[in-house]
């Protein structure tokens, strides 16, 4: 059942028709990708492996959520969130553009630099990793309010907004990123690698089937 407005419905149908369409491709695609590679290569050079693990953990969770959102869109006709084809060089899945995905590729890495070296240090009597995860989740949720007010990004259903995004999306993103930061390398590899395999299998199976 559709709960949104006619304008939302039209925007979603336009976005659905534009998924992985290269008509709007421009060279910023290459520039952004180069910057992301440079950031990660710099962190590898500095042996910031914990930060890299934080970045990749968030990115894997991000992709899992985007796949779920695309599946919801395929099953019901309308995803929870949608990006506009006019705002991007390419839509990867219904709710994520290239530019947005590249931001999430480095979000965990960049914001892990806020983490104190002492993982047991308390902030307001609580574990600093949890406090900073919730704080960053709140910031991203509020910033998404701005994005949703632009033509580039759409919260499709009226009940999907700041609070649901904060609780169900951004808190898990940053908890995964900041908690994996302190884990042993083997645990980091298992988490990142395992979720990467899940994401790749879903993409390889569902895209050719026309599901997402």
N, C-alpha and C. Protein backbone atom coordinates (compact mmCIF):
# COMPACT_ATOMS: atom_id res chain seq x y z
N UNK A 1 0.85 -1.20 0.00
CA UNK A 1 0.00 0.00 0.00
C UNK A 1 0.88 1.24 0.00
N UNK A 2 0.47 2.24 -0.77
CA UNK A 2 1.24 3.48 -0.87
C UNK A 2 0.78 4.47 0.19
N UNK A 3 1.73 5.04 0.98
CA UNK A 3 1.39 5.98 2.03
C UNK A 3 1.94 7.37 1.75
N UNK A 4 2.64 7.55 0.65
CA UNK A 4 3.26 8.84 0.37
C UNK A 4 2.39 9.73 -0.50
N UNK A 5 3.00 10.79 -1.02
CA UNK A 5 2.28 11.75 -1.85
C UNK A 5 2.44 11.38 -3.32
N UNK A 6 1.59 11.94 -4.19
CA UNK A 6 1.77 11.70 -5.63
C UNK A 6 3.13 12.17 -6.14
N UNK A 7 3.64 13.26 -5.58
CA UNK A 7 4.97 13.74 -5.99
C UNK A 7 6.04 12.73 -5.63
N UNK A 8 5.94 12.15 -4.44
CA UNK A 8 6.89 11.12 -4.02
C UNK A 8 6.82 9.92 -4.95
N UNK A 9 5.60 9.53 -5.30
CA UNK A 9 5.42 8.38 -6.18
C UNK A 9 6.11 8.63 -7.53
N UNK A 10 5.92 9.81 -8.07
CA UNK A 10 6.53 10.14 -9.36
C UNK A 10 8.04 10.14 -9.26
N UNK A 11 8.58 10.68 -8.16
CA UNK A 11 10.03 10.73 -7.98
C UNK A 11 10.63 9.34 -7.88
N UNK A 12 9.94 8.45 -7.19
CA UNK A 12 10.42 7.07 -7.05
C UNK A 12 10.41 6.37 -8.40
N UNK A 13 9.38 6.57 -9.18
CA UNK A 13 9.30 5.91 -10.49
C UNK A 13 10.40 6.40 -11.42
N UNK A 14 10.72 7.70 -11.35
CA UNK A 14 11.83 8.24 -12.15
C UNK A 14 13.15 7.63 -11.71
N UNK A 15 13.36 7.53 -10.40
CA UNK A 15 14.60 6.96 -9.87
C UNK A 15 14.73 5.49 -10.25
N UNK A 16 13.63 4.75 -10.15
CA UNK A 16 13.66 3.32 -10.51
C UNK A 16 14.09 3.12 -11.96
N UNK A 17 13.64 4.00 -12.82
CA UNK A 17 13.97 3.89 -14.24
C UNK A 17 15.42 4.26 -14.53
N UNK A 18 16.07 4.93 -13.57
CA UNK A 18 17.43 5.44 -13.80
C UNK A 18 18.53 4.63 -13.12
N UNK A 19 18.16 3.58 -12.41
CA UNK A 19 19.17 2.79 -11.68
C UNK A 19 20.22 2.24 -12.64
N UNK A 20 21.48 2.53 -12.34
CA UNK A 20 22.65 2.12 -13.13
C UNK A 20 22.61 2.59 -14.58
N UNK A 21 21.83 3.64 -14.82
CA UNK A 21 21.81 4.29 -16.13
C UNK A 21 22.94 5.32 -16.17
N UNK A 22 23.73 5.32 -17.21
CA UNK A 22 24.90 6.21 -17.29
C UNK A 22 24.65 7.50 -18.06
N UNK A 23 23.40 7.85 -18.31
CA UNK A 23 23.11 9.06 -19.08
C UNK A 23 23.63 10.33 -18.40
N UNK A 24 23.67 10.32 -17.08
CA UNK A 24 24.13 11.51 -16.34
C UNK A 24 25.59 11.42 -15.92
N UNK A 25 26.30 10.44 -16.43
CA UNK A 25 27.70 10.25 -16.00
C UNK A 25 28.54 11.51 -16.28
N UNK A 26 29.39 11.85 -15.28
CA UNK A 26 30.36 12.93 -15.50
C UNK A 26 31.65 12.59 -14.77
N UNK A 27 32.71 13.33 -15.06
CA UNK A 27 34.05 12.96 -14.64
C UNK A 27 34.31 13.12 -13.15
N UNK A 28 33.37 13.72 -12.43
CA UNK A 28 33.54 13.77 -10.97
C UNK A 28 33.58 12.36 -10.38
N UNK A 29 33.00 11.40 -11.08
CA UNK A 29 33.05 9.99 -10.66
C UNK A 29 34.50 9.56 -10.43
N UNK A 30 35.35 9.85 -11.40
CA UNK A 30 36.76 9.47 -11.32
C UNK A 30 37.48 10.26 -10.24
N UNK A 31 37.20 11.55 -10.15
CA UNK A 31 37.87 12.40 -9.17
C UNK A 31 37.56 11.93 -7.75
N UNK A 32 36.30 11.65 -7.47
CA UNK A 32 35.90 11.20 -6.14
C UNK A 32 36.55 9.86 -5.81
N UNK A 33 36.55 8.95 -6.77
CA UNK A 33 37.15 7.63 -6.54
C UNK A 33 38.64 7.75 -6.24
N UNK A 34 39.31 8.65 -6.95
CA UNK A 34 40.74 8.87 -6.73
C UNK A 34 41.00 9.39 -5.32
N UNK A 35 40.16 10.29 -4.85
CA UNK A 35 40.31 10.83 -3.50
C UNK A 35 40.13 9.74 -2.45
N UNK A 36 39.15 8.88 -2.64
CA UNK A 36 38.91 7.78 -1.69
C UNK A 36 40.12 6.84 -1.64
N UNK A 37 40.65 6.51 -2.81
CA UNK A 37 41.84 5.64 -2.87
C UNK A 37 43.01 6.30 -2.17
N UNK A 38 43.19 7.60 -2.40
CA UNK A 38 44.29 8.33 -1.76
C UNK A 38 44.16 8.29 -0.24
N UNK A 39 42.96 8.49 0.27
CA UNK A 39 42.74 8.47 1.71
C UNK A 39 43.12 7.12 2.30
N UNK A 40 42.66 6.05 1.66
CA UNK A 40 42.97 4.71 2.19
C UNK A 40 44.44 4.36 2.04
N UNK A 41 45.06 4.73 0.93
CA UNK A 41 46.48 4.46 0.75
C UNK A 41 47.32 5.21 1.79
N UNK A 42 46.91 6.42 2.11
CA UNK A 42 47.61 7.20 3.13
C UNK A 42 47.50 6.52 4.49
N UNK A 43 46.32 6.03 4.82
CA UNK A 43 46.13 5.35 6.10
C UNK A 43 46.91 4.03 6.15
N UNK A 44 46.98 3.34 5.02
CA UNK A 44 47.79 2.11 4.98
C UNK A 44 49.26 2.44 5.20
N UNK A 45 49.73 3.51 4.56
CA UNK A 45 51.13 3.93 4.73
C UNK A 45 51.43 4.24 6.19
N UNK A 46 50.47 4.85 6.87
CA UNK A 46 50.65 5.20 8.28
C UNK A 46 50.30 4.04 9.22
N UNK A 47 49.96 2.91 8.64
CA UNK A 47 49.63 1.70 9.39
C UNK A 47 48.47 1.89 10.36
N UNK A 48 47.51 2.68 9.94
CA UNK A 48 46.32 2.91 10.75
C UNK A 48 45.29 1.82 10.44
N UNK A 49 45.64 0.59 10.78
CA UNK A 49 44.79 -0.53 10.40
C UNK A 49 43.47 -0.55 11.17
N UNK A 50 43.49 -0.07 12.38
CA UNK A 50 42.24 -0.01 13.16
C UNK A 50 41.26 0.98 12.52
N UNK A 51 41.79 2.13 12.08
CA UNK A 51 40.93 3.09 11.40
C UNK A 51 40.38 2.54 10.10
N UNK A 52 41.21 1.82 9.37
CA UNK A 52 40.77 1.21 8.12
C UNK A 52 39.66 0.19 8.40
N UNK A 53 39.83 -0.60 9.46
CA UNK A 53 38.80 -1.57 9.84
C UNK A 53 37.50 -0.87 10.19
N UNK A 54 37.60 0.26 10.89
CA UNK A 54 36.40 1.03 11.23
C UNK A 54 35.70 1.52 9.97
N UNK A 55 36.51 2.01 9.02
CA UNK A 55 35.94 2.51 7.78
C UNK A 55 35.26 1.43 6.97
N UNK A 56 35.93 0.30 6.81
CA UNK A 56 35.37 -0.79 6.00
C UNK A 56 34.17 -1.43 6.68
N UNK A 57 34.17 -1.48 8.02
CA UNK A 57 33.02 -2.04 8.74
C UNK A 57 31.77 -1.23 8.47
N UNK A 58 31.89 0.09 8.60
CA UNK A 58 30.73 0.93 8.33
C UNK A 58 30.29 0.79 6.88
N UNK A 59 31.26 0.71 5.97
CA UNK A 59 30.92 0.62 4.55
C UNK A 59 30.20 -0.68 4.22
N UNK A 60 30.60 -1.78 4.84
CA UNK A 60 29.92 -3.05 4.60
C UNK A 60 28.50 -3.02 5.15
N UNK A 61 28.31 -2.43 6.34
CA UNK A 61 26.96 -2.32 6.90
C UNK A 61 26.11 -1.41 6.02
N UNK A 62 26.71 -0.32 5.56
CA UNK A 62 26.01 0.59 4.64
C UNK A 62 25.48 -0.16 3.42
N UNK A 63 26.33 -0.97 2.80
CA UNK A 63 25.89 -1.69 1.61
C UNK A 63 24.81 -2.72 1.92
N UNK A 64 24.90 -3.37 3.08
CA UNK A 64 23.87 -4.33 3.47
C UNK A 64 22.52 -3.62 3.61
N UNK A 65 22.53 -2.43 4.21
CA UNK A 65 21.30 -1.66 4.36
C UNK A 65 20.76 -1.21 3.01
N UNK A 66 21.64 -0.79 2.12
CA UNK A 66 21.19 -0.34 0.80
C UNK A 66 20.57 -1.48 0.02
N UNK A 67 21.13 -2.66 0.16
CA UNK A 67 20.55 -3.83 -0.51
C UNK A 67 19.17 -4.14 0.07
N UNK A 68 19.05 -4.09 1.41
CA UNK A 68 17.76 -4.32 2.03
C UNK A 68 16.73 -3.29 1.58
N UNK A 69 17.15 -2.03 1.50
CA UNK A 69 16.24 -0.97 1.04
C UNK A 69 15.78 -1.23 -0.39
N UNK A 70 16.71 -1.69 -1.23
CA UNK A 70 16.35 -2.00 -2.62
C UNK A 70 15.40 -3.19 -2.69
N UNK A 71 15.61 -4.18 -1.82
CA UNK A 71 14.71 -5.34 -1.78
C UNK A 71 13.31 -4.90 -1.35
N UNK A 72 13.24 -4.02 -0.34
CA UNK A 72 11.94 -3.48 0.10
C UNK A 72 11.26 -2.77 -1.06
N UNK A 73 12.05 -1.99 -1.80
CA UNK A 73 11.50 -1.28 -2.94
C UNK A 73 10.96 -2.23 -4.00
N UNK A 74 11.69 -3.31 -4.23
CA UNK A 74 11.27 -4.29 -5.24
C UNK A 74 10.02 -5.03 -4.78
N UNK A 75 9.95 -5.35 -3.48
CA UNK A 75 8.84 -6.14 -2.96
C UNK A 75 7.55 -5.34 -2.82
N UNK A 76 7.68 -4.06 -2.47
CA UNK A 76 6.49 -3.24 -2.18
C UNK A 76 6.21 -2.20 -3.26
N UNK A 77 7.20 -1.94 -4.11
CA UNK A 77 7.06 -0.91 -5.12
C UNK A 77 7.74 0.39 -4.75
N UNK A 78 8.03 0.57 -3.46
CA UNK A 78 8.62 1.83 -3.00
C UNK A 78 9.60 1.57 -1.87
N UNK A 79 10.86 1.96 -2.08
CA UNK A 79 11.88 1.82 -1.05
C UNK A 79 11.65 2.85 0.05
N UNK A 80 12.37 2.71 1.16
CA UNK A 80 12.23 3.65 2.27
C UNK A 80 12.85 5.00 1.93
N UNK A 81 13.97 4.97 1.20
CA UNK A 81 14.61 6.20 0.76
C UNK A 81 15.07 6.04 -0.68
N UNK A 82 15.14 7.16 -1.38
CA UNK A 82 15.43 7.16 -2.81
C UNK A 82 16.30 8.36 -3.15
N UNK A 83 17.20 8.19 -4.11
CA UNK A 83 18.00 9.32 -4.59
C UNK A 83 17.52 9.73 -5.98
N UNK A 84 17.75 11.01 -6.29
CA UNK A 84 17.30 11.54 -7.57
C UNK A 84 18.37 11.35 -8.64
N UNK A 85 18.02 10.90 -9.83
CA UNK A 85 19.02 10.72 -10.90
C UNK A 85 19.65 12.03 -11.36
N UNK A 86 18.95 13.15 -11.19
CA UNK A 86 19.51 14.43 -11.60
C UNK A 86 20.63 14.92 -10.70
N UNK A 87 20.75 14.30 -9.51
CA UNK A 87 21.71 14.78 -8.52
C UNK A 87 23.03 14.01 -8.54
N UNK A 88 23.18 13.02 -9.41
CA UNK A 88 24.32 12.11 -9.33
C UNK A 88 24.81 11.71 -10.71
N UNK A 89 26.04 11.24 -10.75
CA UNK A 89 26.57 10.71 -12.01
C UNK A 89 26.02 9.32 -12.29
N UNK A 90 25.62 8.59 -11.23
CA UNK A 90 24.99 7.28 -11.43
C UNK A 90 24.33 6.83 -10.13
N UNK A 91 23.14 6.24 -10.25
CA UNK A 91 22.47 5.60 -9.12
C UNK A 91 22.90 4.14 -9.09
N UNK A 92 23.46 3.71 -7.98
CA UNK A 92 23.93 2.33 -7.87
C UNK A 92 22.79 1.38 -7.50
N UNK A 93 22.03 1.76 -6.48
CA UNK A 93 20.79 1.09 -6.10
C UNK A 93 19.78 2.20 -5.83
N UNK A 94 18.52 1.87 -5.66
CA UNK A 94 17.48 2.88 -5.58
C UNK A 94 17.76 3.96 -4.52
N UNK A 95 18.43 3.60 -3.43
CA UNK A 95 18.65 4.57 -2.36
C UNK A 95 20.05 5.10 -2.23
N UNK A 96 20.92 4.76 -3.18
CA UNK A 96 22.31 5.20 -3.02
C UNK A 96 22.92 5.60 -4.36
N UNK A 97 23.47 6.79 -4.37
CA UNK A 97 24.22 7.28 -5.53
C UNK A 97 25.70 6.99 -5.32
N UNK A 98 26.48 7.16 -6.39
CA UNK A 98 27.92 6.97 -6.30
C UNK A 98 28.53 7.90 -5.26
N UNK A 99 28.14 9.16 -5.29
CA UNK A 99 28.73 10.15 -4.39
C UNK A 99 28.39 9.84 -2.94
N UNK A 100 27.16 9.44 -2.68
CA UNK A 100 26.74 9.11 -1.32
C UNK A 100 27.48 7.87 -0.82
N UNK A 101 27.63 6.88 -1.67
CA UNK A 101 28.34 5.67 -1.27
C UNK A 101 29.81 5.95 -0.97
N UNK A 102 30.43 6.82 -1.75
CA UNK A 102 31.83 7.15 -1.49
C UNK A 102 32.01 7.92 -0.19
N UNK A 103 31.00 8.71 0.18
CA UNK A 103 31.05 9.36 1.48
C UNK A 103 31.05 8.33 2.60
N UNK A 104 30.17 7.34 2.49
CA UNK A 104 30.11 6.30 3.50
C UNK A 104 31.37 5.42 3.49
N UNK A 105 32.06 5.37 2.36
CA UNK A 105 33.30 4.59 2.28
C UNK A 105 34.37 5.10 3.24
N UNK A 106 34.33 6.40 3.54
CA UNK A 106 35.36 6.97 4.41
C UNK A 106 34.80 7.49 5.74
N UNK A 107 33.48 7.48 5.92
CA UNK A 107 32.89 8.07 7.12
C UNK A 107 33.41 7.41 8.39
N UNK A 108 33.43 6.09 8.42
CA UNK A 108 33.90 5.39 9.62
C UNK A 108 35.37 5.62 9.88
N UNK A 109 36.17 5.64 8.82
CA UNK A 109 37.60 5.89 8.95
C UNK A 109 37.86 7.29 9.49
N UNK A 110 37.23 8.29 8.89
CA UNK A 110 37.45 9.67 9.30
C UNK A 110 37.00 9.90 10.74
N UNK A 111 35.81 9.43 11.09
CA UNK A 111 35.27 9.72 12.41
C UNK A 111 35.86 8.84 13.50
N UNK A 112 36.52 7.75 13.12
CA UNK A 112 37.23 6.95 14.13
C UNK A 112 38.39 7.73 14.74
N UNK A 113 38.82 8.79 14.06
CA UNK A 113 39.90 9.63 14.59
C UNK A 113 39.45 10.40 15.84
N UNK A 114 38.15 10.43 16.09
CA UNK A 114 37.63 11.06 17.31
C UNK A 114 37.76 10.14 18.53
N UNK A 115 37.99 8.85 18.30
CA UNK A 115 38.00 7.90 19.39
C UNK A 115 39.22 8.06 20.29
N UNK A 116 39.03 8.15 21.61
CA UNK A 116 40.17 8.19 22.53
C UNK A 116 40.96 6.90 22.44
N UNK A 117 42.25 6.99 22.70
CA UNK A 117 43.09 5.79 22.68
C UNK A 117 42.64 4.79 23.74
N UNK A 118 42.16 5.29 24.87
CA UNK A 118 41.69 4.43 25.96
C UNK A 118 40.25 4.01 25.67
N UNK A 119 40.07 2.77 25.26
CA UNK A 119 38.73 2.31 24.90
C UNK A 119 37.81 2.19 26.10
N UNK A 120 38.38 2.19 27.32
CA UNK A 120 37.58 2.06 28.53
C UNK A 120 37.24 3.40 29.18
N UNK A 121 37.72 4.49 28.59
CA UNK A 121 37.43 5.80 29.14
C UNK A 121 35.92 6.07 29.07
N UNK A 122 35.40 6.69 30.13
CA UNK A 122 33.98 6.97 30.20
C UNK A 122 33.67 8.40 29.77
N UNK A 123 32.57 8.58 29.10
CA UNK A 123 32.02 9.89 28.78
C UNK A 123 30.61 9.92 29.35
N UNK A 124 30.38 10.83 30.28
CA UNK A 124 29.08 10.90 30.97
C UNK A 124 28.73 9.56 31.61
N UNK A 125 29.77 8.87 32.09
CA UNK A 125 29.58 7.61 32.77
C UNK A 125 29.35 6.41 31.86
N UNK A 126 29.46 6.63 30.54
CA UNK A 126 29.23 5.54 29.58
C UNK A 126 30.46 5.29 28.73
N UNK A 127 30.52 4.12 28.14
CA UNK A 127 31.64 3.77 27.27
C UNK A 127 31.77 4.78 26.14
N UNK A 128 32.99 5.29 25.94
CA UNK A 128 33.18 6.36 24.97
C UNK A 128 32.87 5.93 23.54
N UNK A 129 33.08 4.65 23.22
CA UNK A 129 32.78 4.17 21.86
C UNK A 129 31.27 4.26 21.59
N UNK A 130 30.48 3.88 22.58
CA UNK A 130 29.03 3.90 22.43
C UNK A 130 28.53 5.34 22.37
N UNK A 131 29.05 6.20 23.25
CA UNK A 131 28.62 7.60 23.27
C UNK A 131 28.93 8.28 21.94
N UNK A 132 30.14 8.07 21.42
CA UNK A 132 30.52 8.71 20.16
C UNK A 132 29.76 8.11 18.98
N UNK A 133 29.44 6.83 19.05
CA UNK A 133 28.63 6.22 17.99
C UNK A 133 27.24 6.86 17.96
N UNK A 134 26.63 7.01 19.13
CA UNK A 134 25.30 7.62 19.21
C UNK A 134 25.37 9.09 18.80
N UNK A 135 26.42 9.81 19.23
CA UNK A 135 26.56 11.21 18.86
C UNK A 135 26.71 11.41 17.36
N UNK A 136 27.54 10.60 16.74
CA UNK A 136 27.70 10.72 15.28
C UNK A 136 26.44 10.29 14.56
N UNK A 137 25.75 9.29 15.09
CA UNK A 137 24.49 8.86 14.48
C UNK A 137 23.47 10.00 14.52
N UNK A 138 23.44 10.73 15.64
CA UNK A 138 22.53 11.86 15.76
C UNK A 138 22.87 12.95 14.75
N UNK A 139 24.17 13.24 14.59
CA UNK A 139 24.58 14.26 13.63
C UNK A 139 24.18 13.87 12.22
N UNK A 140 24.45 12.63 11.83
CA UNK A 140 24.12 12.18 10.47
C UNK A 140 22.61 12.19 10.25
N UNK A 141 21.85 11.82 11.27
CA UNK A 141 20.39 11.81 11.14
C UNK A 141 19.86 13.22 10.92
N UNK A 142 20.40 14.18 11.67
CA UNK A 142 19.97 15.57 11.51
C UNK A 142 20.40 16.12 10.16
N UNK A 143 21.58 15.74 9.70
CA UNK A 143 22.03 16.20 8.39
C UNK A 143 21.16 15.62 7.29
N UNK A 144 20.66 14.41 7.52
CA UNK A 144 19.80 13.80 6.52
C UNK A 144 18.46 14.53 6.41
N UNK A 145 18.07 15.23 7.49
CA UNK A 145 16.89 16.08 7.41
C UNK A 145 17.08 17.12 6.31
N UNK A 146 18.28 17.72 6.29
CA UNK A 146 18.59 18.69 5.24
C UNK A 146 18.55 18.04 3.86
N UNK A 147 19.18 16.87 3.74
CA UNK A 147 19.20 16.18 2.44
C UNK A 147 17.78 15.88 1.96
N UNK A 148 16.93 15.46 2.89
CA UNK A 148 15.56 15.12 2.52
C UNK A 148 14.74 16.35 2.13
N UNK A 149 15.26 17.53 2.45
CA UNK A 149 14.56 18.76 2.07
C UNK A 149 14.97 19.24 0.68
N UNK A 150 15.94 18.56 0.07
CA UNK A 150 16.43 18.92 -1.26
C UNK A 150 15.84 17.96 -2.30
N UNK A 151 15.94 18.30 -3.58
CA UNK A 151 15.45 17.38 -4.62
C UNK A 151 16.35 16.15 -4.80
N UNK A 152 17.52 16.15 -4.14
CA UNK A 152 18.48 15.07 -4.38
C UNK A 152 18.14 13.78 -3.63
N UNK A 153 17.39 13.90 -2.53
CA UNK A 153 17.19 12.75 -1.64
C UNK A 153 15.76 12.76 -1.13
N UNK A 154 15.15 11.59 -1.05
CA UNK A 154 13.73 11.53 -0.69
C UNK A 154 13.48 10.45 0.36
N UNK A 155 12.87 10.88 1.47
CA UNK A 155 12.27 9.92 2.40
C UNK A 155 10.89 9.62 1.83
N UNK A 156 10.67 8.40 1.41
CA UNK A 156 9.49 8.09 0.61
C UNK A 156 8.21 8.08 1.45
N UNK A 157 8.24 7.44 2.61
CA UNK A 157 7.05 7.32 3.44
C UNK A 157 7.04 8.40 4.53
N UNK A 158 5.87 8.92 4.87
CA UNK A 158 5.81 9.98 5.87
C UNK A 158 6.25 9.53 7.27
N UNK A 159 6.16 8.24 7.56
CA UNK A 159 6.57 7.75 8.88
C UNK A 159 8.06 7.44 8.95
N UNK A 160 8.74 7.53 7.81
CA UNK A 160 10.19 7.28 7.79
C UNK A 160 10.90 8.63 7.86
N UNK A 161 11.55 8.90 8.98
CA UNK A 161 12.16 10.21 9.16
C UNK A 161 13.33 10.17 10.12
N UNK A 162 13.56 11.27 10.81
CA UNK A 162 14.77 11.44 11.61
C UNK A 162 14.94 10.36 12.68
N UNK A 163 13.90 10.11 13.46
CA UNK A 163 14.02 9.15 14.55
C UNK A 163 14.21 7.72 14.06
N UNK A 164 13.41 7.23 13.12
CA UNK A 164 13.67 5.87 12.60
C UNK A 164 15.05 5.74 11.97
N UNK A 165 15.50 6.77 11.24
CA UNK A 165 16.83 6.73 10.63
C UNK A 165 17.91 6.67 11.71
N UNK A 166 17.74 7.47 12.74
CA UNK A 166 18.70 7.52 13.85
C UNK A 166 18.81 6.16 14.55
N UNK A 167 17.68 5.56 14.87
CA UNK A 167 17.68 4.33 15.66
C UNK A 167 18.04 3.11 14.82
N UNK A 168 17.43 2.98 13.67
CA UNK A 168 17.56 1.73 12.91
C UNK A 168 18.71 1.72 11.91
N UNK A 169 19.23 2.90 11.58
CA UNK A 169 20.27 2.96 10.54
C UNK A 169 21.60 3.47 11.08
N UNK A 170 21.63 4.71 11.54
CA UNK A 170 22.93 5.31 11.86
C UNK A 170 23.55 4.79 13.14
N UNK A 171 22.74 4.46 14.15
CA UNK A 171 23.34 3.86 15.35
C UNK A 171 24.02 2.54 15.00
N UNK A 172 23.38 1.61 14.27
CA UNK A 172 24.10 0.39 13.87
C UNK A 172 25.34 0.67 13.02
N UNK A 173 25.27 1.67 12.12
CA UNK A 173 26.43 2.01 11.31
C UNK A 173 27.64 2.31 12.19
N UNK A 174 27.44 3.23 13.13
CA UNK A 174 28.58 3.71 13.91
C UNK A 174 28.96 2.77 15.05
N UNK A 175 28.01 2.01 15.57
CA UNK A 175 28.38 0.99 16.55
C UNK A 175 29.27 -0.06 15.90
N UNK A 176 28.90 -0.50 14.71
CA UNK A 176 29.74 -1.48 14.00
C UNK A 176 31.13 -0.91 13.77
N UNK A 177 31.21 0.33 13.35
CA UNK A 177 32.48 0.96 13.04
C UNK A 177 33.35 1.13 14.27
N UNK A 178 32.79 1.68 15.33
CA UNK A 178 33.59 2.04 16.50
C UNK A 178 33.88 0.86 17.41
N UNK A 179 32.99 -0.15 17.42
CA UNK A 179 33.26 -1.32 18.26
C UNK A 179 34.25 -2.26 17.59
N UNK A 180 34.22 -2.35 16.26
CA UNK A 180 35.18 -3.22 15.57
C UNK A 180 36.58 -2.62 15.62
N UNK A 181 36.67 -1.32 15.84
CA UNK A 181 37.94 -0.60 15.89
C UNK A 181 38.91 -1.24 16.88
N UNK A 182 38.40 -1.72 18.02
CA UNK A 182 39.25 -2.26 19.08
C UNK A 182 39.41 -3.78 19.04
N UNK A 183 38.75 -4.42 18.11
CA UNK A 183 38.79 -5.88 18.07
C UNK A 183 40.12 -6.38 17.51
N UNK A 184 40.48 -7.62 17.83
CA UNK A 184 41.69 -8.21 17.25
C UNK A 184 41.58 -8.27 15.72
N UNK A 185 42.71 -8.22 15.02
CA UNK A 185 42.68 -8.25 13.55
C UNK A 185 41.86 -9.41 12.97
N UNK A 186 41.96 -10.60 13.57
CA UNK A 186 41.21 -11.74 13.04
C UNK A 186 39.70 -11.50 13.13
N UNK A 187 39.26 -10.89 14.22
CA UNK A 187 37.83 -10.58 14.37
C UNK A 187 37.41 -9.53 13.35
N UNK A 188 38.25 -8.52 13.15
CA UNK A 188 37.96 -7.48 12.16
C UNK A 188 37.83 -8.09 10.77
N UNK A 189 38.75 -8.96 10.42
CA UNK A 189 38.73 -9.58 9.09
C UNK A 189 37.49 -10.44 8.91
N UNK A 190 37.14 -11.20 9.95
CA UNK A 190 35.95 -12.06 9.86
C UNK A 190 34.68 -11.22 9.68
N UNK A 191 34.58 -10.14 10.45
CA UNK A 191 33.38 -9.30 10.35
C UNK A 191 33.28 -8.63 8.98
N UNK A 192 34.35 -7.97 8.58
CA UNK A 192 34.35 -7.25 7.30
C UNK A 192 34.23 -8.22 6.13
N UNK A 193 35.04 -9.28 6.16
CA UNK A 193 35.01 -10.26 5.08
C UNK A 193 33.69 -10.99 4.99
N UNK A 194 33.14 -11.37 6.14
CA UNK A 194 31.88 -12.10 6.14
C UNK A 194 30.74 -11.26 5.57
N UNK A 195 30.67 -9.99 5.99
CA UNK A 195 29.61 -9.11 5.49
C UNK A 195 29.84 -8.77 4.02
N UNK A 196 31.11 -8.65 3.62
CA UNK A 196 31.42 -8.40 2.21
C UNK A 196 30.92 -9.56 1.34
N UNK A 197 31.13 -10.78 1.79
CA UNK A 197 30.67 -11.96 1.04
C UNK A 197 29.15 -11.95 0.92
N UNK A 198 28.47 -11.66 2.02
CA UNK A 198 27.01 -11.59 2.00
C UNK A 198 26.53 -10.56 0.99
N UNK A 199 27.14 -9.37 1.05
CA UNK A 199 26.74 -8.29 0.13
C UNK A 199 26.99 -8.67 -1.33
N UNK A 200 28.17 -9.23 -1.59
CA UNK A 200 28.52 -9.59 -2.97
C UNK A 200 27.58 -10.67 -3.51
N UNK A 201 27.30 -11.67 -2.69
CA UNK A 201 26.39 -12.74 -3.12
C UNK A 201 25.00 -12.16 -3.43
N UNK A 202 24.50 -11.30 -2.56
CA UNK A 202 23.19 -10.69 -2.79
C UNK A 202 23.18 -9.88 -4.08
N UNK A 203 24.24 -9.09 -4.30
CA UNK A 203 24.30 -8.28 -5.52
C UNK A 203 24.40 -9.15 -6.77
N UNK A 204 25.25 -10.15 -6.71
CA UNK A 204 25.46 -11.02 -7.88
C UNK A 204 24.19 -11.80 -8.23
N UNK A 205 23.42 -12.18 -7.21
CA UNK A 205 22.20 -12.95 -7.45
C UNK A 205 21.03 -12.05 -7.82
N UNK A 206 20.85 -10.95 -7.06
CA UNK A 206 19.63 -10.15 -7.20
C UNK A 206 19.62 -9.18 -8.37
N UNK A 207 20.81 -8.66 -8.74
CA UNK A 207 20.84 -7.71 -9.87
C UNK A 207 20.47 -8.39 -11.18
N UNK A 208 21.08 -9.54 -11.52
CA UNK A 208 20.67 -10.19 -12.78
C UNK A 208 19.21 -10.63 -12.79
N UNK A 209 18.66 -10.93 -11.61
CA UNK A 209 17.27 -11.32 -11.51
C UNK A 209 16.32 -10.13 -11.66
N UNK A 210 16.88 -8.92 -11.62
CA UNK A 210 16.05 -7.72 -11.73
C UNK A 210 15.35 -7.34 -10.45
N UNK A 211 15.81 -7.92 -9.32
CA UNK A 211 15.16 -7.62 -8.05
C UNK A 211 15.58 -6.25 -7.53
N UNK A 212 16.89 -5.92 -7.71
CA UNK A 212 17.37 -4.64 -7.19
C UNK A 212 18.11 -3.87 -8.29
